[in-house]
Amino acid sequence: MENMPNLEDRTLGKNEALRNIFRAKSMRRKELKELPFEKKIEILIQLQKMAKGVKRPGGKKDGIIWMI
């Protein structure tokens, strides 16, 4: 079992660009995990505002933005 490559190695092979993307994604998740709850809510509200501008199927532009 010692010589068996880990999941990342088997999935990404020698694609260094993909490795960098997944490494950055993992680091970002760790950073977000450490944020205080209030900051996470601020980010969520910002995402809600961004999503409100996107039309849904049928041309509807509905969505909820929390008022805090």
Protein backbone atom coordinates (compact mmCIF):
# COMPACT_ATOMS: atom_id res chain seq x y z
CA MET A 1 0.00 0.00 0.00
CA GLU A 2 2.94 2.32 0.56
CA ASN A 3 3.63 2.78 -3.16
CA MET A 4 0.00 3.47 -4.02
CA PRO A 5 -0.52 7.12 -5.12
CA ASN A 6 -3.03 9.22 -3.19
CA LEU A 7 -6.35 10.27 -4.69
CA GLU A 8 -4.98 13.63 -5.83
CA ASP A 9 -2.13 11.95 -7.71
CA ARG A 10 -4.43 9.42 -9.36
CA THR A 11 -6.96 12.07 -10.35
CA LEU A 12 -4.67 14.85 -11.52
CA GLY A 13 -1.69 12.89 -12.70
CA LYS A 14 1.00 15.27 -13.84
CA ASN A 15 -1.29 18.21 -14.59
CA GLU A 16 0.39 20.93 -12.51
CA ALA A 17 -2.21 23.57 -13.39
CA LEU A 18 -4.99 21.45 -11.90
CA ARG A 19 -2.88 20.73 -8.85
CA ASN A 20 -2.43 24.47 -8.30
CA ILE A 21 -6.16 25.10 -8.68
CA PHE A 22 -7.08 22.43 -6.15
CA ARG A 23 -4.36 23.59 -3.76
CA ALA A 24 -5.62 27.20 -3.94
CA LYS A 25 -9.20 26.03 -3.50
CA SER A 26 -8.24 24.10 -0.38
CA MET A 27 -6.34 27.07 1.05
CA ARG A 28 -9.30 29.39 0.38
CA ARG A 29 -11.67 27.02 2.18
CA LYS A 30 -9.35 26.96 5.19
CA GLU A 31 -9.27 30.79 5.21
CA LEU A 32 -13.06 31.01 5.01
CA LYS A 33 -13.43 28.47 7.80
CA GLU A 34 -11.53 30.78 10.14
CA LEU A 35 -13.70 33.85 9.45
CA PRO A 36 -16.07 35.06 12.16
CA PHE A 37 -19.75 34.24 11.65
CA GLU A 38 -20.64 37.89 11.00
CA LYS A 39 -18.17 38.12 8.12
CA LYS A 40 -19.59 34.93 6.60
CA ILE A 41 -23.06 36.49 6.67
CA GLU A 42 -21.71 39.63 4.95
CA ILE A 43 -20.27 37.42 2.20
CA LEU A 44 -23.58 35.56 1.87
CA ILE A 45 -25.51 38.83 1.47
CA GLN A 46 -23.04 39.98 -1.19
CA LEU A 47 -23.55 36.70 -3.08
CA GLN A 48 -27.34 37.13 -2.80
CA LYS A 49 -27.06 40.60 -4.35
CA MET A 50 -24.96 39.23 -7.19
CA ALA A 51 -27.39 36.36 -7.81
CA LYS A 52 -30.39 38.69 -7.86
CA GLY A 53 -29.12 40.19 -11.11
CA VAL A 54 -29.09 36.81 -12.85
CA LYS A 55 -32.24 35.93 -14.78
CA ARG A 56 -33.81 32.61 -13.99
CA PRO A 57 -35.45 30.39 -16.63
CA GLY A 58 -38.59 32.09 -17.87
CA GLY A 59 -37.06 35.55 -17.50
CA LYS A 60 -37.83 35.88 -13.79
CA LYS A 61 -35.45 37.94 -11.66
CA ASP A 62 -36.46 36.95 -8.19
CA GLY A 63 -34.38 36.22 -5.17
CA ILE A 64 -34.03 37.00 -1.54
CA ILE A 65 -31.53 39.40 -0.06
CA TRP A 66 -31.34 39.29 3.72
CA MET A 67 -31.85 42.66 5.36
CA ILE A 68 -29.46 42.80 8.29
